N, C-alpha and C. Protein backbone atom coordinates (compact mmCIF):
# COMPACT_ATOMS: atom_id res chain seq x y z
N MET A 1 -29.52 -14.35 -17.15
CA MET A 1 -28.81 -15.48 -16.43
C MET A 1 -29.41 -16.60 -16.26
N ARG A 2 -29.90 -18.05 -16.89
CA ARG A 2 -30.46 -19.08 -15.36
C ARG A 2 -29.57 -19.24 -14.53
N ASP A 3 -30.29 -19.65 -13.18
CA ASP A 3 -29.73 -19.70 -12.11
C ASP A 3 -29.19 -21.53 -11.96
N ARG A 4 -29.16 -21.90 -13.64
CA ARG A 4 -28.75 -23.27 -13.39
C ARG A 4 -27.65 -23.11 -14.13
N LEU A 5 -27.11 -21.22 -14.76
CA LEU A 5 -26.04 -21.53 -15.22
C LEU A 5 -25.02 -20.55 -14.41
N PHE A 6 -25.49 -19.43 -13.74
CA PHE A 6 -25.26 -18.84 -12.87
C PHE A 6 -24.84 -19.22 -11.71
N PHE A 7 -25.03 -20.20 -10.92
CA PHE A 7 -25.16 -20.78 -9.07
C PHE A 7 -23.62 -21.22 -9.77
N PRO A 8 -23.21 -22.06 -10.51
CA PRO A 8 -22.05 -22.91 -10.63
C PRO A 8 -20.99 -22.28 -11.38
N ALA A 9 -21.40 -21.70 -12.52
CA ALA A 9 -20.40 -20.66 -12.46
C ALA A 9 -20.08 -19.75 -11.48
N LEU A 10 -20.57 -19.44 -11.09
CA LEU A 10 -19.73 -18.71 -9.58
C LEU A 10 -19.05 -19.42 -8.98
N ALA A 11 -19.18 -20.40 -8.59
CA ALA A 11 -18.78 -21.94 -7.28
C ALA A 11 -17.60 -21.96 -8.42
N LEU A 12 -17.37 -22.02 -9.71
CA LEU A 12 -15.88 -22.12 -10.35
C LEU A 12 -15.65 -21.43 -10.20
N ALA A 13 -15.68 -20.13 -10.08
CA ALA A 13 -15.12 -18.56 -10.09
C ALA A 13 -14.25 -17.89 -8.93
N ALA A 14 -15.19 -18.19 -7.82
CA ALA A 14 -14.58 -18.83 -6.58
C ALA A 14 -13.88 -19.18 -6.42
N LEU A 15 -13.72 -20.99 -6.81
CA LEU A 15 -13.16 -21.78 -7.07
C LEU A 15 -11.26 -21.34 -7.00
N LEU A 16 -11.54 -21.00 -8.53
CA LEU A 16 -10.47 -20.88 -9.13
C LEU A 16 -9.57 -19.48 -8.12
N MET A 17 -10.60 -18.61 -7.78
CA MET A 17 -9.65 -17.41 -7.12
C MET A 17 -8.90 -18.01 -6.01
N VAL A 18 -9.47 -18.85 -5.21
CA VAL A 18 -8.89 -19.22 -3.75
C VAL A 18 -7.54 -20.64 -5.02
N ALA A 19 -7.72 -20.77 -5.47
CA ALA A 19 -6.73 -21.81 -6.21
C ALA A 19 -5.16 -20.25 -6.78
N LEU A 20 -6.07 -19.16 -7.11
CA LEU A 20 -5.05 -18.29 -7.19
C LEU A 20 -3.83 -17.21 -6.45
N ALA A 21 -4.94 -17.82 -4.92
CA ALA A 21 -4.42 -16.99 -4.64
C ALA A 21 -3.57 -18.31 -3.55
N ALA A 22 -3.64 -19.01 -3.82
CA ALA A 22 -2.82 -20.34 -2.75
C ALA A 22 -1.07 -20.20 -4.00
N VAL A 23 -1.09 -19.64 -5.11
CA VAL A 23 -0.01 -20.07 -5.60
C VAL A 23 0.71 -18.24 -5.94
N TRP A 24 -0.26 -16.96 -5.80
CA TRP A 24 0.15 -15.78 -6.29
C TRP A 24 1.70 -14.63 -4.96
N PRO A 25 2.31 -14.77 -5.29
CA PRO A 25 3.27 -13.88 -5.18
C PRO A 25 3.05 -13.16 -4.17
N GLN A 26 2.79 -13.62 -2.18
CA GLN A 26 2.58 -13.36 -1.16
C GLN A 26 2.70 -11.42 -0.27
N GLY A 27 4.44 -11.03 -1.44
CA GLY A 27 4.48 -9.92 -0.64
C GLY A 27 5.55 -10.33 0.68
N LEU A 28 4.93 -9.14 0.93
CA LEU A 28 5.41 -9.37 2.39
C LEU A 28 4.82 -10.22 3.90
N GLY A 29 3.56 -10.52 3.65
CA GLY A 29 3.34 -11.97 4.33
C GLY A 29 4.32 -12.73 4.92
N ASP A 30 3.69 -13.97 5.29
CA ASP A 30 3.68 -15.44 6.13
C ASP A 30 5.05 -16.33 4.69
N ARG A 31 5.26 -16.50 4.33
CA ARG A 31 5.30 -18.22 3.23
C ARG A 31 4.80 -18.73 2.69
N SER A 32 3.97 -18.92 1.19
CA SER A 32 3.27 -19.93 0.72
C SER A 32 4.05 -20.99 1.74
N TRP A 33 2.55 -22.80 1.29
CA TRP A 33 3.46 -23.61 1.16
C TRP A 33 4.68 -24.53 0.15
N GLY A 34 4.63 -25.30 0.83
CA GLY A 34 5.30 -26.34 -1.30
C GLY A 34 6.29 -24.92 -1.65
N PRO A 35 6.42 -25.13 -3.19
CA PRO A 35 7.18 -24.67 -3.52
C PRO A 35 6.93 -23.30 -3.96
N PHE A 36 5.78 -22.88 -3.54
CA PHE A 36 5.11 -21.57 -3.53
C PHE A 36 6.28 -20.66 -2.80
N GLY A 37 5.73 -19.62 -3.56
CA GLY A 37 6.56 -18.25 -2.50
C GLY A 37 8.12 -17.76 -2.75
N HIS A 38 8.32 -17.36 -1.34
CA HIS A 38 9.69 -16.68 -1.15
C HIS A 38 9.15 -15.88 0.28
N THR A 39 11.16 -16.66 0.82
CA THR A 39 11.11 -15.54 1.77
C THR A 39 10.41 -13.89 1.91
N PRO A 40 10.22 -13.96 2.71
CA PRO A 40 9.51 -12.56 2.57
C PRO A 40 10.81 -11.50 3.00
N ALA A 41 10.47 -10.60 2.43
CA ALA A 41 11.49 -9.34 2.08
C ALA A 41 11.40 -8.85 4.37
N GLN A 42 10.32 -8.50 4.55
CA GLN A 42 10.99 -8.73 6.15
C GLN A 42 11.73 -10.06 6.97
N ARG A 43 11.68 -10.80 6.13
CA ARG A 43 12.39 -12.08 7.85
C ARG A 43 13.86 -12.29 7.04
N THR A 44 14.39 -11.45 6.50
CA THR A 44 15.56 -11.21 5.90
C THR A 44 16.72 -10.92 6.75
N PRO A 45 18.11 -11.55 7.24
CA PRO A 45 18.63 -11.10 8.54
C PRO A 45 19.17 -9.40 8.14
N ALA A 46 19.09 -9.37 7.17
CA ALA A 46 19.72 -7.90 6.34
C ALA A 46 18.56 -7.02 7.01
N MET A 47 17.16 -7.30 6.74
CA MET A 47 15.79 -6.28 6.99
C MET A 47 15.62 -6.32 8.58
N GLN A 48 15.58 -7.90 8.98
CA GLN A 48 15.93 -7.74 10.38
C GLN A 48 16.81 -6.65 10.85
N ALA A 49 17.87 -6.97 10.71
CA ALA A 49 19.37 -5.62 11.20
C ALA A 49 18.86 -4.22 10.91
N ALA A 50 18.59 -3.92 9.99
CA ALA A 50 17.84 -2.78 9.19
C ALA A 50 16.54 -1.94 10.47
N MET A 51 15.42 -3.60 11.02
CA MET A 51 14.92 -2.86 10.94
C MET A 51 14.97 -2.45 12.68
N LYS A 52 16.33 -3.31 13.68
CA LYS A 52 16.32 -3.60 14.54
C LYS A 52 16.97 -2.13 14.96
N ARG A 53 18.71 -2.07 13.93
CA ARG A 53 18.51 -0.56 13.91
C ARG A 53 17.85 1.23 14.17
N GLU A 54 16.48 1.01 13.38
CA GLU A 54 15.70 2.01 13.16
C GLU A 54 14.70 1.67 14.01
N SER A 55 14.38 0.47 14.94
CA SER A 55 13.84 1.28 16.08
C SER A 55 14.70 1.19 17.12
N ASP A 56 15.71 1.02 17.02
CA ASP A 56 16.55 1.17 18.28
C ASP A 56 16.61 3.64 18.29
N ALA A 57 17.48 3.90 17.39
CA ALA A 57 17.56 4.95 16.74
C ALA A 57 16.20 5.63 17.06
N SER A 58 14.94 5.42 17.05
CA SER A 58 14.13 6.28 17.38
C SER A 58 13.14 5.39 18.88
N ASN A 59 13.84 4.78 19.61
CA ASN A 59 13.74 4.43 21.43
C ASN A 59 14.90 5.78 21.40
N GLN A 60 16.01 5.79 20.76
CA GLN A 60 16.79 6.63 21.96
C GLN A 60 16.40 8.42 21.61
N ARG A 61 16.10 8.79 20.38
CA ARG A 61 15.41 9.64 19.76
C ARG A 61 13.95 10.25 21.27
N LEU A 62 13.27 9.04 20.85
CA LEU A 62 12.35 9.77 21.81
C LEU A 62 12.69 9.71 23.48
N ASN A 63 13.69 9.33 24.25
CA ASN A 63 13.84 9.03 25.16
C ASN A 63 14.74 10.83 25.88
N GLN A 64 15.36 10.74 24.70
CA GLN A 64 16.43 12.27 24.94
C GLN A 64 15.41 13.49 24.83
N ALA A 65 14.18 12.90 23.93
CA ALA A 65 13.05 13.76 23.57
C ALA A 65 12.31 14.41 24.96
N ARG A 66 11.68 12.45 25.88
CA ARG A 66 11.65 13.22 26.99
C ARG A 66 12.05 13.92 28.29
N GLN A 67 13.73 13.15 28.17
CA GLN A 67 14.24 14.06 29.11
C GLN A 67 14.77 15.45 28.94
N ALA A 68 14.70 15.67 27.75
CA ALA A 68 14.38 17.65 27.47
C ALA A 68 13.53 17.95 28.24
N VAL A 69 12.23 17.20 28.04
CA VAL A 69 10.92 17.57 28.72
C VAL A 69 11.31 17.95 29.69
N SER A 70 11.83 17.24 30.42
CA SER A 70 12.12 16.35 32.04
C SER A 70 12.07 17.75 32.44
N ASP A 71 13.77 17.95 32.12
CA ASP A 71 15.04 18.92 31.95
C ASP A 71 14.01 20.22 32.00
N LEU A 72 14.01 20.89 31.00
CA LEU A 72 13.31 21.48 31.03
C LEU A 72 12.09 22.24 32.08
N GLN A 73 10.97 20.70 32.52
CA GLN A 73 10.17 21.52 33.76
C GLN A 73 11.05 21.80 35.24
N SER A 74 11.86 20.68 35.05
CA SER A 74 12.13 20.77 36.41
C SER A 74 13.17 22.43 36.82
N GLN A 75 13.55 22.07 35.72
CA GLN A 75 14.00 23.60 35.57
C GLN A 75 13.04 25.10 35.62
N ALA A 76 11.64 24.34 35.07
CA ALA A 76 11.09 25.71 35.77
C ALA A 76 10.48 25.45 36.80
N ILE A 77 10.33 24.84 37.35
CA ILE A 77 10.09 24.46 38.57
C ILE A 77 11.01 25.32 39.47
N SER A 78 11.84 24.53 39.79
CA SER A 78 13.72 25.28 40.81
C SER A 78 14.32 25.56 39.47
N PRO A 79 14.13 26.99 39.34
CA PRO A 79 15.43 27.34 38.65
C PRO A 79 17.09 27.99 39.72
N THR A 80 18.08 27.34 39.02
CA THR A 80 18.88 27.26 39.44
C THR A 80 19.74 28.55 39.01
N GLN A 81 18.86 30.17 39.27
CA GLN A 81 19.89 31.07 38.76
C GLN A 81 20.51 31.10 36.92
């Protein structure tokens, strides 16, 4: 294929890909501008609340595990019969 045809076709394909990316559904990322896109699933109040509950539960389990290890270490160092 001649360069005279190849490079303009390549530039046109690149422009079409950019235009498609501007209007294609964005998934869980930021919302597209204007009439395109929708509110991302992670930005809905229900999902935010679920993520907060999951994070709080994870932090609580982590703190309980740390406390258990700390109790076992202190018990191994100075056992109280």
